[in-house]
């Protein structure tokens, strides 16, 4: 502990013998802040909450509930992931060929309109494949996930969808 007064409590967090990934936690009457190598965080709660606020079980919920949901970034990540998955899946030339040429060339990155393009593509591909044929499982699952994604309204829902279905969406398991 660096300071412990009625107006300020401060801790330095670091491994002994190094300042790599070190940070300070400051608690004042007006708020709690962390500064240092872990990036900055500020909470509008003060001394009355204490260090228990940061160490308690509710901190994860508190932080996640305060994040704004960026729908455009969410959809862009899915479009990029799906296109990347299809383009890297070289053993299935039919899926790759199904992508519009501009999506094949840039991996689906860029324009916001790619979401609607990907949704239409998944529906068209699924409709063209009979049940039980090769490729049906992929396009069916992708179509279902994109439908779910259309109804995501917050960070928690996006996180759940992306982590549960990371394979079909072409995302890393910790996305």
N, C-alpha and C. Protein backbone atom coordinates (compact mmCIF):
# COMPACT_ATOMS: atom_id res chain seq x y z
N UNK A 1 0.86 -1.18 0.00
CA UNK A 1 0.00 0.00 0.00
C UNK A 1 0.90 1.23 0.00
N UNK A 2 0.60 2.13 -0.93
CA UNK A 2 1.37 3.36 -1.03
C UNK A 2 0.83 4.46 -0.14
N UNK A 3 -0.50 4.51 0.00
CA UNK A 3 -1.11 5.55 0.84
C UNK A 3 -2.39 4.99 1.45
N UNK A 4 -2.65 5.41 2.69
CA UNK A 4 -3.87 4.98 3.38
C UNK A 4 -4.32 6.09 4.31
N UNK A 5 -5.15 6.99 3.77
CA UNK A 5 -5.67 8.10 4.57
C UNK A 5 -7.18 8.09 4.47
N UNK A 6 -7.81 9.05 5.15
CA UNK A 6 -9.26 9.17 5.07
C UNK A 6 -9.72 9.63 3.68
N UNK A 7 -8.82 10.26 2.92
CA UNK A 7 -9.16 10.82 1.62
C UNK A 7 -8.62 10.02 0.44
N UNK A 8 -7.65 9.13 0.68
CA UNK A 8 -7.00 8.43 -0.42
C UNK A 8 -6.44 7.09 0.03
N UNK A 9 -6.67 6.08 -0.79
CA UNK A 9 -6.04 4.78 -0.59
C UNK A 9 -5.40 4.41 -1.92
N UNK A 10 -4.14 4.00 -1.90
CA UNK A 10 -3.41 3.71 -3.13
C UNK A 10 -2.58 2.44 -2.96
N UNK A 11 -2.66 1.57 -3.96
CA UNK A 11 -1.87 0.34 -3.98
C UNK A 11 -1.04 0.30 -5.26
N UNK A 12 0.14 -0.26 -5.18
CA UNK A 12 0.95 -0.54 -6.37
C UNK A 12 0.96 -2.04 -6.55
N UNK A 13 0.60 -2.47 -7.75
CA UNK A 13 0.54 -3.90 -8.06
C UNK A 13 1.62 -4.21 -9.10
N UNK A 14 2.56 -5.09 -8.73
CA UNK A 14 3.62 -5.47 -9.65
C UNK A 14 4.32 -6.69 -9.11
N UNK A 15 4.98 -7.40 -9.99
CA UNK A 15 5.79 -8.53 -9.56
C UNK A 15 7.07 -8.01 -8.92
N UNK A 16 7.56 -8.66 -7.88
CA UNK A 16 8.81 -8.21 -7.24
C UNK A 16 9.97 -8.18 -8.24
N UNK A 17 10.75 -7.12 -8.19
CA UNK A 17 11.94 -7.02 -9.03
C UNK A 17 11.70 -6.55 -10.45
N UNK A 18 10.47 -6.19 -10.80
CA UNK A 18 10.20 -5.72 -12.16
C UNK A 18 9.08 -4.68 -12.12
N UNK A 19 9.05 -3.84 -13.14
CA UNK A 19 7.93 -2.90 -13.29
C UNK A 19 7.10 -3.25 -14.51
N UNK A 20 7.40 -4.37 -15.13
CA UNK A 20 6.65 -4.82 -16.29
C UNK A 20 5.24 -5.22 -15.85
N UNK A 21 4.25 -4.74 -16.54
CA UNK A 21 2.84 -4.98 -16.24
C UNK A 21 2.45 -4.50 -14.84
N UNK A 22 3.05 -3.45 -14.41
CA UNK A 22 2.73 -2.86 -13.11
C UNK A 22 1.60 -1.85 -13.27
N UNK A 23 0.82 -1.69 -12.22
CA UNK A 23 -0.23 -0.69 -12.25
C UNK A 23 -0.54 -0.24 -10.82
N UNK A 24 -1.16 0.92 -10.71
CA UNK A 24 -1.58 1.46 -9.41
C UNK A 24 -3.09 1.51 -9.36
N UNK A 25 -3.62 1.27 -8.18
CA UNK A 25 -5.05 1.43 -7.92
C UNK A 25 -5.19 2.59 -6.96
N UNK A 26 -5.99 3.58 -7.36
CA UNK A 26 -6.21 4.76 -6.53
C UNK A 26 -7.69 4.86 -6.19
N UNK A 27 -7.98 5.02 -4.91
CA UNK A 27 -9.37 5.19 -4.49
C UNK A 27 -9.47 6.52 -3.75
N UNK A 28 -10.30 7.41 -4.30
CA UNK A 28 -10.54 8.70 -3.66
C UNK A 28 -12.02 8.78 -3.31
N UNK A 29 -12.40 9.89 -2.73
CA UNK A 29 -13.80 10.09 -2.38
C UNK A 29 -14.69 10.08 -3.62
N UNK A 30 -14.15 10.47 -4.77
CA UNK A 30 -14.95 10.64 -5.98
C UNK A 30 -14.88 9.47 -6.97
N UNK A 31 -13.92 8.58 -6.80
CA UNK A 31 -13.83 7.49 -7.75
C UNK A 31 -12.68 6.55 -7.51
N UNK A 32 -12.67 5.48 -8.29
CA UNK A 32 -11.60 4.49 -8.27
C UNK A 32 -10.99 4.48 -9.66
N UNK A 33 -9.65 4.47 -9.71
CA UNK A 33 -8.97 4.45 -11.00
C UNK A 33 -7.80 3.46 -10.95
N UNK A 34 -7.55 2.84 -12.08
CA UNK A 34 -6.33 2.07 -12.25
C UNK A 34 -5.55 2.73 -13.36
N UNK A 35 -4.26 2.86 -13.17
CA UNK A 35 -3.37 3.45 -14.17
C UNK A 35 -2.11 2.61 -14.24
N UNK A 36 -1.56 2.51 -15.42
CA UNK A 36 -0.31 1.76 -15.58
C UNK A 36 -0.34 0.93 -16.83
N UNK A 37 0.40 -0.18 -16.80
CA UNK A 37 0.59 -1.01 -17.99
C UNK A 37 -0.67 -1.76 -18.42
N UNK A 38 -1.67 -1.85 -17.60
CA UNK A 38 -2.89 -2.58 -17.98
C UNK A 38 -3.93 -1.69 -18.63
N UNK A 39 -3.57 -0.47 -18.93
CA UNK A 39 -4.48 0.52 -19.48
C UNK A 39 -5.26 1.13 -18.33
N UNK A 40 -5.97 2.18 -18.58
CA UNK A 40 -6.68 2.87 -17.52
C UNK A 40 -8.13 2.47 -17.41
N UNK A 41 -8.62 2.41 -16.20
CA UNK A 41 -10.04 2.19 -15.90
C UNK A 41 -10.44 3.20 -14.86
N UNK A 42 -11.64 3.73 -14.99
CA UNK A 42 -12.15 4.66 -13.99
C UNK A 42 -13.58 4.28 -13.64
N UNK A 43 -13.87 4.27 -12.35
CA UNK A 43 -15.22 3.97 -11.86
C UNK A 43 -15.70 5.18 -11.09
N UNK A 44 -16.96 5.51 -11.23
CA UNK A 44 -17.52 6.67 -10.54
C UNK A 44 -18.06 6.30 -9.17
N UNK A 45 -17.37 5.46 -8.49
CA UNK A 45 -17.71 5.12 -7.11
C UNK A 45 -16.46 5.35 -6.29
N UNK A 46 -16.61 5.83 -5.07
CA UNK A 46 -15.46 6.23 -4.30
C UNK A 46 -15.15 5.39 -3.09
N UNK A 47 -14.60 6.04 -2.07
CA UNK A 47 -14.11 5.36 -0.87
C UNK A 47 -15.15 4.49 -0.19
N UNK A 48 -16.40 4.87 -0.27
CA UNK A 48 -17.42 4.07 0.41
C UNK A 48 -17.53 2.67 -0.17
N UNK A 49 -17.12 2.48 -1.44
CA UNK A 49 -17.14 1.16 -2.07
C UNK A 49 -15.89 0.36 -1.72
N UNK A 50 -14.76 1.05 -1.61
CA UNK A 50 -13.52 0.42 -1.20
C UNK A 50 -12.97 -0.60 -2.18
N UNK A 51 -11.87 -1.23 -1.79
CA UNK A 51 -11.21 -2.23 -2.62
C UNK A 51 -12.11 -3.45 -2.81
N UNK A 52 -13.04 -3.67 -1.92
CA UNK A 52 -13.96 -4.79 -2.05
C UNK A 52 -14.75 -4.70 -3.35
N UNK A 53 -15.02 -3.47 -3.78
CA UNK A 53 -15.73 -3.27 -5.04
C UNK A 53 -14.94 -3.89 -6.19
N UNK A 54 -13.62 -3.66 -6.21
CA UNK A 54 -12.79 -4.20 -7.28
C UNK A 54 -12.57 -5.71 -7.13
N UNK A 55 -12.50 -6.18 -5.92
CA UNK A 55 -12.19 -7.60 -5.69
C UNK A 55 -13.43 -8.48 -5.63
N UNK A 56 -14.60 -7.87 -5.53
CA UNK A 56 -15.83 -8.64 -5.35
C UNK A 56 -16.28 -9.40 -6.58
N UNK A 57 -17.28 -10.24 -6.42
CA UNK A 57 -17.79 -11.07 -7.50
C UNK A 57 -18.56 -10.28 -8.55
N UNK A 58 -19.01 -9.08 -8.22
CA UNK A 58 -19.85 -8.31 -9.15
C UNK A 58 -19.06 -7.45 -10.11
N UNK A 59 -17.75 -7.40 -9.98
CA UNK A 59 -16.97 -6.48 -10.81
C UNK A 59 -17.12 -6.80 -12.29
N UNK A 60 -17.10 -8.07 -12.66
CA UNK A 60 -17.24 -8.44 -14.07
C UNK A 60 -18.55 -7.95 -14.64
N UNK A 61 -19.62 -8.19 -13.91
CA UNK A 61 -20.93 -7.74 -14.37
C UNK A 61 -20.96 -6.22 -14.48
N UNK A 62 -20.40 -5.53 -13.49
CA UNK A 62 -20.42 -4.08 -13.48
C UNK A 62 -19.72 -3.52 -14.71
N UNK A 63 -18.52 -4.02 -15.00
CA UNK A 63 -17.76 -3.52 -16.13
C UNK A 63 -18.48 -3.83 -17.44
N UNK A 64 -18.93 -5.09 -17.61
CA UNK A 64 -19.58 -5.47 -18.86
C UNK A 64 -20.90 -4.74 -19.06
N UNK A 65 -21.60 -4.44 -17.99
CA UNK A 65 -22.89 -3.77 -18.14
C UNK A 65 -22.72 -2.32 -18.56
N UNK A 66 -21.53 -1.77 -18.38
CA UNK A 66 -21.29 -0.37 -18.72
C UNK A 66 -20.73 -0.20 -20.13
N UNK A 67 -20.37 -1.28 -20.81
CA UNK A 67 -19.84 -1.17 -22.16
C UNK A 67 -20.97 -0.96 -23.15
N UNK A 68 -20.71 -0.14 -24.13
CA UNK A 68 -21.68 0.11 -25.18
C UNK A 68 -21.55 -0.97 -26.25
N UNK A 69 -22.67 -1.40 -26.79
CA UNK A 69 -22.66 -2.41 -27.84
C UNK A 69 -22.48 -1.73 -29.19
N UNK A 70 -21.45 -2.12 -29.91
CA UNK A 70 -21.15 -1.57 -31.23
C UNK A 70 -21.60 -2.60 -32.27
N UNK A 71 -22.83 -2.44 -32.73
CA UNK A 71 -23.42 -3.41 -33.65
C UNK A 71 -22.64 -3.51 -34.95
N UNK A 72 -22.16 -2.40 -35.46
CA UNK A 72 -21.41 -2.42 -36.72
C UNK A 72 -20.11 -3.20 -36.56
N UNK A 73 -19.40 -3.01 -35.47
CA UNK A 73 -18.15 -3.76 -35.24
C UNK A 73 -18.44 -5.24 -35.04
N UNK A 74 -19.54 -5.55 -34.35
CA UNK A 74 -19.95 -6.94 -34.14
C UNK A 74 -20.20 -7.63 -35.48
N UNK A 75 -20.98 -6.99 -36.33
CA UNK A 75 -21.30 -7.59 -37.63
C UNK A 75 -20.07 -7.67 -38.52
N UNK A 76 -19.22 -6.65 -38.48
CA UNK A 76 -17.99 -6.66 -39.28
C UNK A 76 -17.09 -7.82 -38.86
N UNK A 77 -17.01 -8.09 -37.57
CA UNK A 77 -16.18 -9.20 -37.09
C UNK A 77 -16.72 -10.53 -37.60
N UNK A 78 -18.03 -10.69 -37.60
CA UNK A 78 -18.62 -11.94 -38.09
C UNK A 78 -18.41 -12.09 -39.59
N UNK A 79 -18.64 -11.02 -40.36
CA UNK A 79 -18.44 -11.10 -41.81
C UNK A 79 -16.99 -11.47 -42.11
N UNK A 80 -16.06 -10.80 -41.47
CA UNK A 80 -14.64 -11.08 -41.69
C UNK A 80 -14.31 -12.52 -41.30
N UNK A 81 -14.81 -12.96 -40.15
CA UNK A 81 -14.54 -14.33 -39.69
C UNK A 81 -15.09 -15.38 -40.62
N UNK A 82 -16.34 -15.21 -41.05
CA UNK A 82 -16.97 -16.19 -41.94
C UNK A 82 -16.23 -16.23 -43.27
N UNK A 83 -15.95 -15.08 -43.85
CA UNK A 83 -15.24 -15.05 -45.13
C UNK A 83 -13.85 -15.67 -45.00
N UNK A 84 -13.19 -15.37 -43.91
CA UNK A 84 -11.87 -15.94 -43.67
C UNK A 84 -11.95 -17.45 -43.54
N UNK A 85 -12.95 -17.93 -42.83
CA UNK A 85 -13.13 -19.37 -42.64
C UNK A 85 -13.36 -20.05 -43.98
N UNK A 86 -14.21 -19.46 -44.80
CA UNK A 86 -14.52 -20.05 -46.10
C UNK A 86 -13.29 -20.00 -47.01
N UNK A 87 -12.60 -18.88 -47.03
CA UNK A 87 -11.43 -18.73 -47.91
C UNK A 87 -10.28 -19.64 -47.49
N UNK A 88 -10.14 -19.90 -46.20
CA UNK A 88 -9.06 -20.77 -45.72
C UNK A 88 -9.43 -22.25 -45.83
N UNK A 89 -10.70 -22.51 -46.00
CA UNK A 89 -11.20 -23.89 -46.08
C UNK A 89 -10.99 -24.38 -47.52
N UNK A 90 -9.73 -24.55 -47.90
CA UNK A 90 -9.41 -24.83 -49.30
C UNK A 90 -9.91 -26.17 -49.79
N UNK A 91 -10.24 -27.10 -48.89
CA UNK A 91 -10.72 -28.39 -49.37
C UNK A 91 -12.17 -28.32 -49.84
N UNK A 92 -12.84 -27.19 -49.62
CA UNK A 92 -14.21 -27.05 -50.09
C UNK A 92 -14.30 -25.87 -51.05
N UNK A 93 -13.94 -26.13 -52.31
CA UNK A 93 -13.94 -25.08 -53.32
C UNK A 93 -15.33 -24.53 -53.59
N UNK A 94 -16.38 -25.34 -53.35
CA UNK A 94 -17.74 -24.87 -53.60
C UNK A 94 -18.12 -23.73 -52.66
N UNK A 95 -17.72 -23.82 -51.38
CA UNK A 95 -18.02 -22.75 -50.44
C UNK A 95 -17.27 -21.48 -50.82
N UNK A 96 -16.00 -21.64 -51.21
CA UNK A 96 -15.19 -20.49 -51.59
C UNK A 96 -15.76 -19.84 -52.84
N UNK A 97 -16.12 -20.65 -53.81
CA UNK A 97 -16.66 -20.12 -55.07
C UNK A 97 -18.02 -19.44 -54.85
N UNK A 98 -18.72 -19.82 -53.78
CA UNK A 98 -20.02 -19.22 -53.50
C UNK A 98 -19.90 -17.77 -53.05
N UNK A 99 -18.75 -17.40 -52.51
CA UNK A 99 -18.57 -16.02 -52.07
C UNK A 99 -18.52 -15.09 -53.28
N UNK A 100 -19.16 -13.94 -53.18
CA UNK A 100 -19.02 -12.96 -54.27
C UNK A 100 -17.54 -12.62 -54.45
N UNK A 101 -17.15 -12.30 -55.68
CA UNK A 101 -15.74 -12.08 -56.00
C UNK A 101 -15.09 -11.05 -55.09
N UNK A 102 -15.78 -9.95 -54.79
CA UNK A 102 -15.15 -8.93 -53.96
C UNK A 102 -14.92 -9.43 -52.54
N UNK A 103 -15.76 -10.36 -52.05
CA UNK A 103 -15.53 -10.93 -50.72
C UNK A 103 -14.35 -11.91 -50.76
N UNK A 104 -14.17 -12.61 -51.86
CA UNK A 104 -13.02 -13.51 -52.00
C UNK A 104 -11.74 -12.72 -52.04
N UNK A 105 -11.77 -11.56 -52.69
CA UNK A 105 -10.55 -10.77 -52.86
C UNK A 105 -10.11 -10.07 -51.58
N UNK A 106 -11.05 -9.60 -50.77
CA UNK A 106 -10.65 -8.87 -49.57
C UNK A 106 -11.08 -9.53 -48.27
N UNK A 107 -11.56 -10.74 -48.32
CA UNK A 107 -11.95 -11.46 -47.11
C UNK A 107 -13.20 -10.93 -46.44
N UNK A 108 -13.95 -10.08 -47.14
CA UNK A 108 -15.18 -9.55 -46.55
C UNK A 108 -14.97 -8.33 -45.70
N UNK A 109 -13.74 -7.86 -45.62
CA UNK A 109 -13.44 -6.71 -44.77
C UNK A 109 -13.85 -5.43 -45.48
N UNK A 110 -14.30 -4.48 -44.73
CA UNK A 110 -14.52 -3.16 -45.32
C UNK A 110 -15.91 -2.63 -45.17
N UNK A 111 -16.70 -2.78 -46.18
CA UNK A 111 -17.97 -2.09 -46.26
C UNK A 111 -19.02 -2.64 -45.30
N UNK A 112 -19.81 -1.75 -44.73
CA UNK A 112 -20.87 -2.15 -43.81
C UNK A 112 -21.94 -2.99 -44.50
N UNK A 113 -22.13 -2.79 -45.81
CA UNK A 113 -23.15 -3.52 -46.56
C UNK A 113 -22.87 -5.00 -46.72
N UNK A 114 -21.72 -5.44 -46.30
CA UNK A 114 -21.37 -6.85 -46.43
C UNK A 114 -22.26 -7.74 -45.57
N UNK A 115 -22.82 -7.20 -44.50
CA UNK A 115 -23.68 -8.01 -43.63
C UNK A 115 -24.87 -8.54 -44.42
N UNK A 116 -25.59 -7.66 -45.09
CA UNK A 116 -26.75 -8.09 -45.88
C UNK A 116 -26.33 -9.04 -46.99
N UNK A 117 -25.17 -8.78 -47.58
CA UNK A 117 -24.66 -9.64 -48.63
C UNK A 117 -24.39 -11.05 -48.10
N UNK A 118 -23.80 -11.14 -46.92
CA UNK A 118 -23.52 -12.45 -46.31
C UNK A 118 -24.81 -13.16 -45.92
N UNK A 119 -25.77 -12.43 -45.38
CA UNK A 119 -27.07 -13.03 -45.01
C UNK A 119 -27.74 -13.61 -46.25
N UNK A 120 -27.76 -12.86 -47.35
CA UNK A 120 -28.38 -13.34 -48.59
C UNK A 120 -27.64 -14.56 -49.12
N UNK A 121 -26.31 -14.51 -49.07
CA UNK A 121 -25.51 -15.62 -49.55
C UNK A 121 -25.83 -16.91 -48.79
N UNK A 122 -25.90 -16.82 -47.47
CA UNK A 122 -26.19 -18.01 -46.65
C UNK A 122 -27.56 -18.58 -46.99
N UNK A 123 -28.55 -17.72 -47.15
CA UNK A 123 -29.91 -18.18 -47.49
C UNK A 123 -29.94 -18.83 -48.87
N UNK A 124 -29.28 -18.20 -49.83
CA UNK A 124 -29.25 -18.74 -51.20
C UNK A 124 -28.55 -20.10 -51.25
N UNK A 125 -27.42 -20.19 -50.57
CA UNK A 125 -26.66 -21.45 -50.59
C UNK A 125 -27.44 -22.57 -49.92
N UNK A 126 -28.09 -22.25 -48.81
CA UNK A 126 -28.88 -23.26 -48.10
C UNK A 126 -30.06 -23.72 -48.97
N UNK A 127 -30.72 -22.79 -49.64
CA UNK A 127 -31.87 -23.15 -50.48
C UNK A 127 -31.47 -24.01 -51.67
N UNK A 128 -30.23 -23.83 -52.14
CA UNK A 128 -29.77 -24.56 -53.32
C UNK A 128 -29.29 -25.98 -53.01
N UNK A 129 -29.08 -26.28 -51.73
CA UNK A 129 -28.54 -27.60 -51.35
C UNK A 129 -29.66 -28.41 -50.71
N UNK A 130 -29.85 -29.60 -51.18
CA UNK A 130 -30.86 -30.47 -50.59
C UNK A 130 -30.38 -31.00 -49.25
N UNK A 131 -31.33 -31.25 -48.37
CA UNK A 131 -31.01 -31.78 -47.05
C UNK A 131 -30.21 -33.07 -47.19
N UNK A 132 -29.12 -33.16 -46.44
CA UNK A 132 -28.28 -34.35 -46.45
C UNK A 132 -27.12 -34.28 -47.43
N UNK A 133 -27.14 -33.34 -48.35
CA UNK A 133 -26.04 -33.20 -49.29
C UNK A 133 -24.85 -32.52 -48.61
N UNK A 134 -23.66 -32.72 -49.20
CA UNK A 134 -22.46 -32.07 -48.68
C UNK A 134 -22.66 -30.56 -48.64
N UNK A 135 -22.25 -29.96 -47.56
CA UNK A 135 -22.35 -28.51 -47.42
C UNK A 135 -23.61 -28.04 -46.72
N UNK A 136 -24.64 -28.88 -46.67
CA UNK A 136 -25.90 -28.46 -46.05
C UNK A 136 -25.71 -28.09 -44.59
N UNK A 137 -24.96 -28.90 -43.85
CA UNK A 137 -24.77 -28.65 -42.42
C UNK A 137 -24.12 -27.29 -42.17
N UNK A 138 -23.08 -26.99 -42.97
CA UNK A 138 -22.39 -25.71 -42.80
C UNK A 138 -23.32 -24.54 -43.08
N UNK A 139 -23.97 -24.52 -44.23
CA UNK A 139 -24.81 -23.39 -44.60
C UNK A 139 -26.03 -23.28 -43.69
N UNK A 140 -26.56 -24.40 -43.24
CA UNK A 140 -27.70 -24.39 -42.32
C UNK A 140 -27.28 -23.77 -40.98
N UNK A 141 -26.15 -24.22 -40.47
CA UNK A 141 -25.66 -23.68 -39.21
C UNK A 141 -25.31 -22.20 -39.34
N UNK A 142 -24.65 -21.83 -40.44
CA UNK A 142 -24.30 -20.43 -40.66
C UNK A 142 -25.56 -19.57 -40.75
N UNK A 143 -26.55 -20.03 -41.49
CA UNK A 143 -27.80 -19.28 -41.63
C UNK A 143 -28.45 -19.07 -40.27
N UNK A 144 -28.48 -20.12 -39.44
CA UNK A 144 -29.05 -20.00 -38.09
C UNK A 144 -28.28 -19.00 -37.23
N UNK A 145 -26.95 -19.04 -37.31
CA UNK A 145 -26.13 -18.13 -36.49
C UNK A 145 -26.31 -16.68 -36.95
N UNK A 146 -26.40 -16.47 -38.26
CA UNK A 146 -26.59 -15.10 -38.76
C UNK A 146 -27.97 -14.58 -38.37
N UNK A 147 -28.97 -15.46 -38.36
CA UNK A 147 -30.30 -15.06 -37.90
C UNK A 147 -30.23 -14.64 -36.43
N UNK A 148 -29.54 -15.44 -35.61
CA UNK A 148 -29.38 -15.09 -34.19
C UNK A 148 -28.66 -13.75 -34.05
N UNK A 149 -27.62 -13.55 -34.87
CA UNK A 149 -26.84 -12.32 -34.79
C UNK A 149 -27.70 -11.10 -35.11
N UNK A 150 -28.69 -11.27 -35.98
CA UNK A 150 -29.59 -10.16 -36.30
C UNK A 150 -30.37 -9.69 -35.07
N UNK A 151 -30.48 -10.53 -34.06
CA UNK A 151 -31.27 -10.21 -32.87
C UNK A 151 -30.42 -9.92 -31.64
N UNK A 152 -29.11 -9.81 -31.80
CA UNK A 152 -28.22 -9.47 -30.69
C UNK A 152 -28.35 -7.99 -30.40
N UNK A 153 -28.52 -7.65 -29.12
CA UNK A 153 -28.75 -6.26 -28.75
C UNK A 153 -27.76 -5.72 -27.72
N UNK A 154 -26.88 -6.59 -27.18
CA UNK A 154 -25.96 -6.11 -26.15
C UNK A 154 -24.67 -6.93 -26.18
N UNK A 155 -23.68 -6.44 -25.47
CA UNK A 155 -22.36 -7.08 -25.43
C UNK A 155 -22.45 -8.51 -24.94
N UNK A 156 -23.26 -8.76 -23.92
CA UNK A 156 -23.36 -10.09 -23.35
C UNK A 156 -23.90 -11.10 -24.37
N UNK A 157 -24.92 -10.71 -25.12
CA UNK A 157 -25.49 -11.59 -26.15
C UNK A 157 -24.47 -11.83 -27.26
N UNK A 158 -23.76 -10.79 -27.66
CA UNK A 158 -22.73 -10.93 -28.70
C UNK A 158 -21.64 -11.87 -28.24
N UNK A 159 -21.19 -11.71 -27.01
CA UNK A 159 -20.14 -12.56 -26.46
C UNK A 159 -20.59 -14.02 -26.44
N UNK A 160 -21.80 -14.26 -26.01
CA UNK A 160 -22.32 -15.63 -25.95
C UNK A 160 -22.40 -16.26 -27.34
N UNK A 161 -22.95 -15.54 -28.30
CA UNK A 161 -23.07 -16.07 -29.65
C UNK A 161 -21.70 -16.36 -30.25
N UNK A 162 -20.78 -15.41 -30.11
CA UNK A 162 -19.47 -15.56 -30.71
C UNK A 162 -18.65 -16.66 -30.06
N UNK A 163 -18.80 -16.86 -28.77
CA UNK A 163 -18.02 -17.90 -28.11
C UNK A 163 -18.63 -19.28 -28.32
N UNK A 164 -19.95 -19.40 -28.34
CA UNK A 164 -20.60 -20.70 -28.52
C UNK A 164 -20.50 -21.21 -29.96
N UNK A 165 -20.41 -20.30 -30.92
CA UNK A 165 -20.44 -20.69 -32.33
C UNK A 165 -19.21 -20.19 -33.08
N UNK A 166 -18.10 -20.11 -32.38
CA UNK A 166 -16.89 -19.54 -32.98
C UNK A 166 -16.40 -20.32 -34.19
N UNK A 167 -16.63 -21.64 -34.23
CA UNK A 167 -16.12 -22.42 -35.35
C UNK A 167 -16.82 -22.07 -36.66
N UNK A 168 -18.15 -22.10 -36.65
CA UNK A 168 -18.87 -21.82 -37.90
C UNK A 168 -18.70 -20.35 -38.30
N UNK A 169 -18.49 -19.46 -37.32
CA UNK A 169 -18.32 -18.04 -37.60
C UNK A 169 -16.88 -17.68 -37.98
N UNK A 170 -15.97 -18.65 -37.89
CA UNK A 170 -14.58 -18.42 -38.27
C UNK A 170 -13.83 -17.54 -37.29
N UNK A 171 -14.25 -17.57 -36.02
CA UNK A 171 -13.62 -16.75 -34.99
C UNK A 171 -12.80 -17.63 -34.05
N UNK A 172 -11.84 -17.05 -33.40
CA UNK A 172 -11.10 -17.79 -32.38
C UNK A 172 -12.01 -18.11 -31.21
N UNK A 173 -11.69 -19.15 -30.48
CA UNK A 173 -12.56 -19.57 -29.37
C UNK A 173 -12.64 -18.55 -28.25
N UNK A 174 -11.69 -17.62 -28.19
CA UNK A 174 -11.71 -16.60 -27.13
C UNK A 174 -12.10 -15.23 -27.66
N UNK A 175 -12.73 -15.20 -28.86
CA UNK A 175 -13.08 -13.94 -29.48
C UNK A 175 -14.00 -13.16 -28.57
